[in-house]
Amino acid sequence: MPYVLILTFVLGLTAPSSRAAEPPAPHQRLQELDDKLEAGTISTDETRELLRALTRQALRSQPAEAPVAVGLGDKVIAVYHDRNTTKLVIEARQPFVAGIPVFVGPQETEVVLQDLLSRSKNLYYYAASAPGRVPVDEGDAVFTQKTRVLETPSPLMLKIKEVYTFEQKARGEVTAVQDGRAMIDRGTLHEVRERDIYRVLDASGNRKGYLEIRGIGDLQSSGVLYDRMEDRHRRVLTTEPGDRVVFMGQRKLFGFGGAVGWSLRGHEEYGIREKGTSYGGVWNLMFKNGWGFEVFLGTLQRTLKAGQQISIPILGRTDIFRQSVDFQVDYQAPIALKKNFFFPSVASPYVILGGGYYHAVLKKVEFVDDFPVFYTREWGQSSSGVFPLLGTGVEFFPARLIRPRFDFRWLGGRTLHAGDKSLSTEAFMAYIGLFSAW
């Protein structure tokens, strides 16, 4: 019923009056002749009258502004809200199928066509509705399809220069950049390998960032652009064709080597210092931007065996007092996360964070021979668990085949008690290592 009332009001505005009136205005007469021409009922005299009217209108030196045509496009002619529904009346130049969606307004809001309310010549009036209060106004255009949006990737900056030479890969030029990737004019012909690292330089020789090679062609190679985590000036995204690149080395994925360590601080009992030694192999894995992972495959042990004996001569006999301490800690297969800074510079400082498993035993024995008294007493405590590991050091030539390094490590622990003795399993170690990578 609301649709009928609205449509009746709209069409009523254009309905002809039944009153007898004065002769129609020129533009009304022209409209009547046009209607008769379309219906095929125009006479010969009326045809001449129509042609003369059109000729006079064409010959006017300053023609009046033409009236705006009504109904030349599909549009909304009425909008109202019924509870939580938006209802519309749509004027269309073409017949639609009830139940299909159409799209209305600048936001192309979807509404569903319902009944055909009326037809006037070549115009069709439909009811439509949409759930909720949608942003639609009278006069909004109606579309049968949504506007298609063409999505394109970011612009590709390209400068390809194919030169068939046998130059070395140490220096080259950026030829293309897109998103976070770049291409250089060096490939298998120049002995470029996967995971080669290049420093990207601008025209002034200032560093923009780094490029790690991922894909290799005969004359061109592509890779990923990145800034190091520790860099203060992050400019790699300003890389463009024509920038220069300088070879720095290769990120070695796997590495293996040996290391020797010693304790920097230990216990001393009865004038004897503990022994702390470590030796074995180290296996590591290196990721992008200096991140890595390593496992120590060797022994790390601290031992202390010490004692003393006191002899006291009394009335022709000798009293003996003897005491000893036995302390041992074994650290097993520490695992650590490793971060190299300023990778792949010649000297790359790094930090490690990890942990492992330990087992410690502390024992104290006292022996007394004071005739007629004779006795032995023992105290002991053991501990096992996980220890934390922190370390720092310097690695030389981290992107080369041979990589020497030197570091310090702290191994956390707890304190053991045996009698009047208290010894800690905490350790401070220094290491020297030599590694090979591929």
Protein backbone atom coordinates (compact mmCIF):
# COMPACT_ATOMS: atom_id res chain seq x y z
CA MET A 1 0.00 0.00 0.00
CA PRO A 2 2.78 2.61 0.78
CA TYR A 3 4.31 1.93 -2.65
CA VAL A 4 0.90 2.57 -4.36
CA LEU A 5 0.42 5.86 -2.51
CA ILE A 6 3.90 7.09 -3.40
CA LEU A 7 3.58 6.06 -7.05
CA THR A 8 0.12 7.66 -7.28
CA PHE A 9 1.57 10.90 -5.93
CA VAL A 10 4.50 10.84 -8.37
CA LEU A 11 2.40 10.05 -11.43
CA GLY A 12 -0.33 12.47 -10.35
CA LEU A 13 2.08 15.36 -10.64
CA THR A 14 2.36 14.75 -14.39
CA ALA A 15 -1.33 13.82 -15.09
CA PRO A 16 -3.15 16.15 -17.58
CA SER A 17 -5.81 18.49 -16.19
CA SER A 18 -9.49 17.90 -17.10
CA ARG A 19 -10.35 21.59 -17.10
CA ALA A 20 -10.99 23.40 -20.35
CA ALA A 21 -8.03 25.70 -20.82
CA GLU A 22 -6.64 28.18 -23.22
CA PRO A 23 -4.67 26.93 -26.29
CA PRO A 24 -1.60 25.00 -25.28
CA ALA A 25 1.78 26.70 -25.07
CA PRO A 26 4.19 26.15 -28.01
CA HIS A 27 6.29 23.56 -26.19
CA GLN A 28 3.12 21.67 -25.14
CA ARG A 29 1.90 21.67 -28.76
CA LEU A 30 5.31 20.39 -29.86
CA GLN A 31 5.03 17.57 -27.32
CA GLU A 32 1.55 16.65 -28.63
CA LEU A 33 2.82 16.48 -32.20
CA ASP A 34 5.77 14.34 -31.11
CA ASP A 35 3.41 11.93 -29.33
CA LYS A 36 1.23 11.62 -32.44
CA LEU A 37 4.32 11.01 -34.58
CA GLU A 38 5.38 8.21 -32.27
CA ALA A 39 1.86 6.71 -32.23
CA GLY A 40 1.55 6.97 -36.06
CA THR A 41 -1.66 9.07 -35.96
CA ILE A 42 -0.20 12.38 -37.13
CA SER A 43 -1.84 13.99 -40.18
CA THR A 44 -0.17 15.70 -43.16
CA ASP A 45 -0.92 19.21 -41.88
CA GLU A 46 0.32 18.34 -38.41
CA THR A 47 3.51 16.93 -39.96
CA ARG A 48 4.12 20.27 -41.74
CA GLU A 49 3.40 22.11 -38.46
CA LEU A 50 5.96 19.94 -36.62
CA LEU A 51 8.65 20.52 -39.27
CA ARG A 52 8.08 24.30 -39.24
CA ALA A 53 8.33 24.36 -35.42
CA LEU A 54 11.60 22.41 -35.45
CA THR A 55 13.02 24.65 -38.18
CA ARG A 56 12.18 27.84 -36.24
CA GLN A 57 13.79 26.41 -33.13
CA ALA A 58 16.98 25.48 -35.03
CA LEU A 59 17.26 28.94 -36.63
CA ARG A 60 17.06 30.93 -33.41
CA SER A 61 20.26 32.89 -32.85
CA GLN A 62 20.12 32.44 -29.07
CA PRO A 63 18.10 29.32 -28.37
CA ALA A 64 16.61 29.00 -24.94
CA GLU A 65 18.11 26.45 -22.58
CA ALA A 66 16.59 23.06 -23.27
CA PRO A 67 14.55 21.62 -20.44
CA VAL A 68 16.14 18.74 -18.54
CA ALA A 69 14.68 15.45 -19.68
CA VAL A 70 13.05 13.32 -17.01
CA GLY A 71 13.60 9.61 -16.83
CA LEU A 72 16.65 9.40 -19.08
CA GLY A 73 18.51 7.18 -16.56
CA ASP A 74 17.68 4.50 -13.96
CA LYS A 75 17.28 6.30 -10.65
CA VAL A 76 15.60 6.35 -7.25
CA ILE A 77 12.49 8.54 -7.14
CA ALA A 78 11.29 7.83 -3.59
CA VAL A 79 12.85 6.59 -0.34
CA TYR A 80 11.30 5.93 3.07
CA HIS A 81 12.03 3.76 6.12
CA ASP A 82 9.67 1.14 7.49
CA ARG A 83 10.87 -0.13 10.88
CA ASN A 84 14.34 -1.51 10.24
CA THR A 85 13.97 -1.66 6.47
CA THR A 86 14.68 0.91 3.76
CA LYS A 87 12.11 0.90 0.94
CA LEU A 88 12.53 2.56 -2.45
CA VAL A 89 10.71 3.25 -5.70
CA ILE A 90 12.99 2.93 -8.72
CA GLU A 91 12.40 4.41 -12.16
CA ALA A 92 14.06 2.33 -14.88
CA ARG A 93 14.37 2.52 -18.66
CA GLN A 94 14.42 -1.24 -18.99
CA PRO A 95 12.42 -4.13 -17.56
CA PHE A 96 14.01 -5.97 -14.64
CA VAL A 97 13.38 -9.40 -13.13
CA ALA A 98 11.86 -9.23 -9.67
CA GLY A 99 14.11 -10.65 -6.98
CA ILE A 100 17.46 -9.66 -8.48
CA PRO A 101 19.80 -7.25 -6.67
CA VAL A 102 20.67 -3.84 -8.06
CA PHE A 103 23.15 -1.28 -6.72
CA VAL A 104 22.15 2.22 -5.72
CA GLY A 105 23.97 5.47 -4.99
CA PRO A 106 27.62 6.49 -4.87
CA GLN A 107 28.40 3.67 -2.45
CA GLU A 108 26.63 1.18 -4.72
CA THR A 109 24.46 -0.16 -1.91
CA GLU A 110 22.79 -3.44 -2.77
CA VAL A 111 18.97 -3.48 -2.76
CA VAL A 112 16.57 -6.18 -3.96
CA LEU A 113 13.90 -5.50 -6.60
CA GLN A 114 10.36 -6.54 -5.73
CA ASP A 115 7.12 -5.89 -7.66
CA LEU A 116 6.60 -3.92 -10.88
CA LEU A 117 4.34 -1.10 -9.70
CA SER A 118 3.54 0.60 -13.02
CA ARG A 119 4.64 1.19 -16.57
CA SER A 120 4.40 4.50 -18.41
CA LYS A 121 5.47 4.33 -22.05
CA ASN A 122 9.12 3.20 -21.93
CA LEU A 123 9.57 3.78 -18.18
CA TYR A 124 9.16 1.10 -15.52
CA TYR A 125 8.54 1.69 -11.82
CA TYR A 126 9.68 -0.96 -9.32
CA ALA A 127 9.50 -1.37 -5.57
CA ALA A 128 12.78 -2.30 -3.87
CA SER A 129 14.02 -2.78 -0.31
CA ALA A 130 17.18 -3.30 1.73
CA PRO A 131 17.64 -4.35 5.38
CA GLY A 132 18.59 -1.59 7.81
CA ARG A 133 18.89 2.11 7.12
CA VAL A 134 21.06 2.35 4.03
CA PRO A 135 22.61 5.59 2.70
CA VAL A 136 20.28 6.15 -0.29
CA ASP A 137 18.68 9.44 -1.43
CA GLU A 138 16.18 10.43 -4.07
CA GLY A 139 17.88 10.95 -7.41
CA ASP A 140 20.64 8.40 -6.79
CA ALA A 141 21.61 6.40 -9.84
CA VAL A 142 20.80 2.70 -10.12
CA PHE A 143 23.28 0.17 -11.56
CA THR A 144 22.75 -3.44 -12.51
CA GLN A 145 26.41 -4.30 -11.76
CA LYS A 146 28.95 -3.02 -9.29
CA THR A 147 31.80 -0.97 -10.60
CA ARG A 148 34.75 -3.24 -11.26
CA VAL A 149 37.95 -2.16 -9.55
CA LEU A 150 41.20 -3.18 -11.20
CA GLU A 151 43.79 -4.06 -8.57
CA THR A 152 47.37 -3.77 -9.77
CA PRO A 153 50.64 -4.45 -7.91
CA SER A 154 52.95 -1.65 -6.92
CA PRO A 155 54.78 0.05 -9.78
CA LEU A 156 57.70 -1.86 -11.24
CA MET A 157 60.78 0.29 -11.72
CA LEU A 158 62.81 -1.32 -14.45
CA LYS A 159 66.09 -0.60 -16.14
CA ILE A 160 67.47 -3.65 -17.94
CA LYS A 161 70.87 -3.48 -19.55
CA GLU A 162 72.02 -6.79 -21.00
CA VAL A 163 75.76 -6.81 -21.48
CA TYR A 164 77.40 -10.15 -22.23
CA THR A 165 80.65 -9.83 -20.31
CA PHE A 166 82.59 -12.04 -17.94
CA GLU A 167 82.93 -9.44 -15.23
CA GLN A 168 83.21 -10.52 -11.62
CA LYS A 169 80.20 -10.39 -9.32
CA ALA A 170 81.85 -8.03 -6.80
CA ARG A 171 80.16 -4.92 -8.22
CA GLY A 172 76.94 -4.42 -10.13
CA GLU A 173 73.89 -2.27 -10.61
CA VAL A 174 70.24 -2.48 -9.61
CA THR A 175 68.08 -2.96 -12.71
CA ALA A 176 64.57 -3.40 -11.29
CA VAL A 177 62.71 -2.81 -8.03
CA GLN A 178 59.24 -3.92 -7.01
CA ASP A 179 57.75 -4.20 -3.51
CA GLY A 180 60.57 -5.48 -1.27
CA ARG A 181 62.59 -7.14 -4.02
CA ALA A 182 65.26 -5.99 -6.44
CA MET A 183 67.14 -7.30 -9.46
CA ILE A 184 70.81 -6.75 -10.32
CA ASP A 185 72.80 -7.18 -13.52
CA ARG A 186 74.79 -10.14 -12.24
CA GLY A 187 73.92 -13.83 -12.64
CA THR A 188 75.37 -17.29 -13.06
CA LEU A 189 77.62 -15.94 -15.80
CA HIS A 190 79.28 -13.85 -13.08
CA GLU A 191 79.29 -16.74 -10.53
CA VAL A 192 76.53 -15.32 -8.35
CA ARG A 193 75.24 -17.85 -5.81
CA GLU A 194 72.11 -18.12 -3.71
CA ARG A 195 72.25 -16.18 -0.42
CA ASP A 196 74.99 -13.84 -1.69
CA ILE A 197 74.72 -10.54 0.17
CA TYR A 198 75.20 -7.16 -1.52
CA ARG A 199 75.38 -3.71 0.01
CA VAL A 200 73.15 -1.26 -1.89
CA LEU A 201 74.70 2.20 -2.42
CA ASP A 202 73.27 5.42 -3.79
CA ALA A 203 75.03 7.74 -6.26
CA SER A 204 77.01 9.33 -3.41
CA GLY A 205 78.26 6.01 -2.10
CA ASN A 206 76.04 6.06 1.00
CA ARG A 207 74.52 2.78 2.09
CA LYS A 208 70.78 2.28 1.54
CA GLY A 209 70.49 -1.28 2.80
CA TYR A 210 71.24 -4.85 1.85
CA LEU A 211 70.14 -7.30 -0.81
CA GLU A 212 70.18 -11.07 -0.31
CA ILE A 213 70.06 -13.07 -3.54
CA ARG A 214 67.25 -15.64 -3.84
CA GLY A 215 66.74 -16.25 -7.57
CA ILE A 216 69.54 -16.49 -10.16
CA GLY A 217 69.40 -16.21 -13.93
CA ASP A 218 72.14 -16.21 -16.54
CA LEU A 219 72.60 -12.43 -16.59
CA GLN A 220 70.26 -11.19 -13.86
CA SER A 221 69.64 -12.14 -10.23
CA SER A 222 66.87 -11.13 -7.86
CA GLY A 223 66.66 -11.02 -4.11
CA VAL A 224 65.13 -9.56 -0.99
CA LEU A 225 65.91 -6.05 0.24
CA TYR A 226 66.26 -5.53 3.99
CA ASP A 227 67.59 -3.22 6.68
CA ARG A 228 69.56 -4.68 9.56
CA MET A 229 67.85 -4.58 12.93
CA GLU A 230 70.64 -2.45 14.41
CA ASP A 231 70.78 0.13 11.58
CA ARG A 232 69.69 3.61 12.64
CA HIS A 233 69.12 4.87 9.07
CA ARG A 234 66.63 2.59 7.35
CA ARG A 235 66.64 3.50 3.64
CA VAL A 236 66.42 0.23 1.79
CA LEU A 237 62.90 0.97 0.50
CA THR A 238 64.31 3.95 -1.43
CA THR A 239 66.31 1.59 -3.65
CA GLU A 240 65.80 2.33 -7.34
CA PRO A 241 67.22 1.25 -10.70
CA GLY A 242 70.71 2.64 -11.19
CA ASP A 243 71.85 2.18 -7.57
CA ARG A 244 75.17 0.36 -7.21
CA VAL A 245 75.68 -2.91 -5.34
CA VAL A 246 78.88 -4.24 -3.74
CA PHE A 247 79.36 -7.90 -2.82
CA MET A 248 79.82 -8.48 0.93
CA GLY A 249 79.82 -12.25 1.24
CA GLN A 250 77.44 -15.16 1.45
CA ARG A 251 75.13 -16.13 4.27
CA LYS A 252 76.30 -19.61 5.10
CA LEU A 253 73.31 -21.68 6.04
CA PHE A 254 75.13 -24.43 7.95
CA GLY A 255 78.28 -24.21 10.01
CA PHE A 256 80.42 -26.57 12.04
CA GLY A 257 83.61 -26.08 14.00
CA GLY A 258 85.47 -26.65 17.21
CA ALA A 259 85.90 -24.59 20.36
CA VAL A 260 88.07 -24.72 23.47
CA GLY A 261 87.10 -23.01 26.72
CA TRP A 262 88.37 -22.49 30.23
CA SER A 263 86.93 -21.25 33.50
CA LEU A 264 87.66 -17.62 34.40
CA ARG A 265 86.64 -17.84 38.01
CA GLY A 266 86.54 -20.88 40.27
CA HIS A 267 86.71 -22.12 43.83
CA GLU A 268 89.86 -22.73 45.85
CA GLU A 269 90.05 -25.09 48.82
CA TYR A 270 93.12 -25.99 50.89
CA GLY A 271 95.34 -24.11 48.44
CA ILE A 272 94.10 -25.98 45.37
CA ARG A 273 92.04 -24.31 42.64
CA GLU A 274 89.34 -26.05 40.69
CA LYS A 275 89.83 -27.10 37.07
CA GLY A 276 87.31 -25.92 34.51
CA THR A 277 87.72 -27.07 30.92
CA SER A 278 85.54 -27.35 27.87
CA TYR A 279 86.15 -28.65 24.37
CA GLY A 280 84.08 -30.08 21.56
CA GLY A 281 82.25 -29.32 18.35
CA VAL A 282 79.67 -26.63 17.65
CA TRP A 283 76.94 -26.95 15.03
CA ASN A 284 75.05 -23.82 13.96
CA LEU A 285 72.39 -22.63 11.55
CA MET A 286 72.40 -19.07 10.19
CA PHE A 287 69.23 -17.21 9.14
CA LYS A 288 68.73 -13.83 7.45
CA ASN A 289 69.90 -10.63 9.13
CA GLY A 290 72.37 -12.34 11.46
CA TRP A 291 69.95 -14.53 13.40
CA GLY A 292 71.13 -18.05 14.13
CA PHE A 293 70.85 -21.16 16.25
CA GLU A 294 73.66 -23.33 17.63
CA VAL A 295 74.30 -26.44 19.72
CA PHE A 296 77.52 -27.23 21.63
CA LEU A 297 78.41 -30.89 21.19
CA GLY A 298 81.17 -31.49 23.71
CA THR A 299 82.16 -31.62 27.38
CA LEU A 300 82.08 -28.80 29.85
CA GLN A 301 83.22 -29.83 33.31
CA ARG A 302 84.41 -28.25 36.54
CA THR A 303 86.19 -30.37 39.15
CA LEU A 304 87.81 -29.71 42.50
CA LYS A 305 89.49 -32.42 44.57
CA ALA A 306 91.40 -31.10 47.57
CA GLY A 307 92.22 -32.10 51.13
CA GLN A 308 94.58 -31.63 54.06
CA GLN A 309 95.98 -33.69 56.96
CA ILE A 310 97.09 -32.43 60.35
CA SER A 311 99.35 -34.61 62.58
CA ILE A 312 99.72 -33.67 66.28
CA PRO A 313 102.36 -35.57 68.43
CA ILE A 314 101.07 -36.04 72.00
CA LEU A 315 102.84 -38.10 74.78
CA GLY A 316 104.60 -40.46 72.43
CA ARG A 317 101.71 -40.84 69.98
CA THR A 318 100.45 -38.89 66.99
CA ASP A 319 96.85 -37.70 66.60
CA ILE A 320 95.71 -37.34 63.00
CA PHE A 321 93.00 -35.05 61.62
CA ARG A 322 92.22 -35.30 57.88
CA GLN A 323 89.54 -33.55 55.74
CA SER A 324 88.78 -33.46 52.00
CA VAL A 325 86.43 -31.83 49.50
CA ASP A 326 85.21 -33.39 46.24
CA PHE A 327 83.22 -31.11 43.89
CA GLN A 328 82.19 -31.78 40.29
CA VAL A 329 79.75 -30.13 37.82
CA ASP A 330 78.93 -31.44 34.32
CA TYR A 331 77.15 -29.19 31.80
CA GLN A 332 75.55 -31.04 28.92
CA ALA A 333 74.79 -29.88 25.35
CA PRO A 334 73.84 -26.21 25.81
CA ILE A 335 71.53 -24.88 23.07
CA ALA A 336 71.42 -21.16 22.25
CA LEU A 337 69.80 -18.56 20.01
CA LYS A 338 72.44 -16.34 18.43
CA LYS A 339 72.24 -12.83 16.94
CA ASN A 340 75.12 -11.36 14.95
CA PHE A 341 75.17 -7.56 14.75
CA PHE A 342 76.47 -5.64 11.73
CA PHE A 343 76.31 -8.85 9.71
CA PRO A 344 78.11 -9.45 7.33
CA SER A 345 80.86 -7.01 8.35
CA VAL A 346 84.45 -8.22 8.83
CA ALA A 347 84.04 -8.19 12.62
CA SER A 348 80.54 -9.03 13.81
CA PRO A 349 79.76 -8.85 17.55
CA TYR A 350 77.06 -11.21 18.73
CA VAL A 351 75.03 -12.26 21.76
CA ILE A 352 73.69 -15.69 22.66
CA LEU A 353 70.83 -16.75 24.87
CA GLY A 354 70.04 -20.34 25.74
CA GLY A 355 70.37 -23.06 28.30
CA GLY A 356 71.15 -26.68 28.97
CA TYR A 357 71.19 -29.47 31.56
CA TYR A 358 73.64 -29.85 34.44
CA HIS A 359 74.45 -32.32 37.21
CA ALA A 360 76.54 -31.34 40.27
CA VAL A 361 77.84 -33.19 43.34
CA LEU A 362 79.57 -31.80 46.45
CA LYS A 363 81.04 -34.07 49.16
CA LYS A 364 83.09 -33.38 52.29
CA VAL A 365 84.83 -36.05 54.46
CA GLU A 366 86.47 -35.68 57.89
CA PHE A 367 88.70 -38.38 59.47
CA VAL A 368 89.84 -38.22 63.12
CA ASP A 369 92.35 -40.61 64.78
CA ASP A 370 92.68 -39.52 68.43
CA PHE A 371 93.30 -42.72 70.38
CA PRO A 372 91.15 -44.12 71.78
CA VAL A 373 88.72 -42.04 69.65
CA PHE A 374 88.50 -42.94 65.95
CA TYR A 375 85.72 -41.78 63.58
CA THR A 376 84.86 -40.64 60.05
CA ARG A 377 82.13 -38.15 59.08
CA GLU A 378 80.73 -37.36 55.62
CA TRP A 379 78.44 -34.64 54.21
CA GLY A 380 77.12 -34.37 50.69
CA GLN A 381 74.59 -32.75 48.35
CA SER A 382 73.79 -33.19 44.68
CA SER A 383 71.71 -31.18 42.22
CA SER A 384 70.41 -31.57 38.67
CA GLY A 385 68.36 -29.33 36.44
CA VAL A 386 68.33 -26.74 33.69
CA PHE A 387 70.82 -23.86 33.70
CA PRO A 388 70.48 -20.52 31.83
CA LEU A 389 73.17 -19.42 29.39
CA LEU A 390 74.14 -15.87 28.38
CA GLY A 391 77.10 -14.87 26.27
CA THR A 392 78.70 -12.29 24.06
CA GLY A 393 81.60 -12.33 21.65
CA VAL A 394 83.01 -11.34 18.28
CA GLU A 395 82.98 -13.39 15.09
CA PHE A 396 85.36 -12.53 12.27
CA PHE A 397 84.41 -12.91 8.59
CA PRO A 398 80.91 -14.24 9.39
CA ALA A 399 79.98 -14.46 5.69
CA ARG A 400 83.12 -16.33 4.63
CA LEU A 401 84.19 -19.96 4.56
CA ILE A 402 86.48 -19.74 7.62
CA ARG A 403 85.18 -17.88 10.68
CA PRO A 404 87.29 -17.55 13.84
CA ARG A 405 85.60 -16.23 16.97
CA PHE A 406 86.13 -15.42 20.64
CA ASP A 407 83.45 -15.15 23.33
CA PHE A 408 82.57 -15.12 27.04
CA ARG A 409 79.73 -17.10 28.58
CA TRP A 410 77.91 -17.13 31.89
CA LEU A 411 76.26 -20.36 33.04
CA GLY A 412 73.82 -19.93 35.88
CA GLY A 413 73.46 -22.38 38.74
CA ARG A 414 72.75 -22.91 42.41
CA THR A 415 74.85 -23.27 45.56
CA LEU A 416 75.53 -26.68 47.16
CA HIS A 417 76.27 -27.20 50.86
CA ALA A 418 78.23 -29.96 52.56
CA GLY A 419 79.25 -29.44 56.17
CA ASP A 420 80.92 -26.08 56.44
CA LYS A 421 81.55 -25.92 52.70
CA SER A 422 79.32 -24.02 50.23
CA LEU A 423 80.23 -24.14 46.52
CA SER A 424 78.27 -22.66 43.58
CA THR A 425 77.61 -24.33 40.24
CA GLU A 426 77.63 -20.91 38.51
CA ALA A 427 80.40 -20.62 35.93
CA PHE A 428 82.15 -17.97 33.81
CA MET A 429 83.83 -19.35 30.69
CA ALA A 430 85.97 -17.98 27.86
CA TYR A 431 86.04 -19.68 24.44
CA ILE A 432 88.12 -19.61 21.28
CA GLY A 433 86.71 -21.31 18.22
CA LEU A 434 87.30 -21.84 14.53
CA PHE A 435 84.41 -22.62 12.21
CA SER A 436 83.79 -23.57 8.62
CA ALA A 437 80.50 -22.99 6.86
CA TRP A 438 78.77 -23.84 3.61
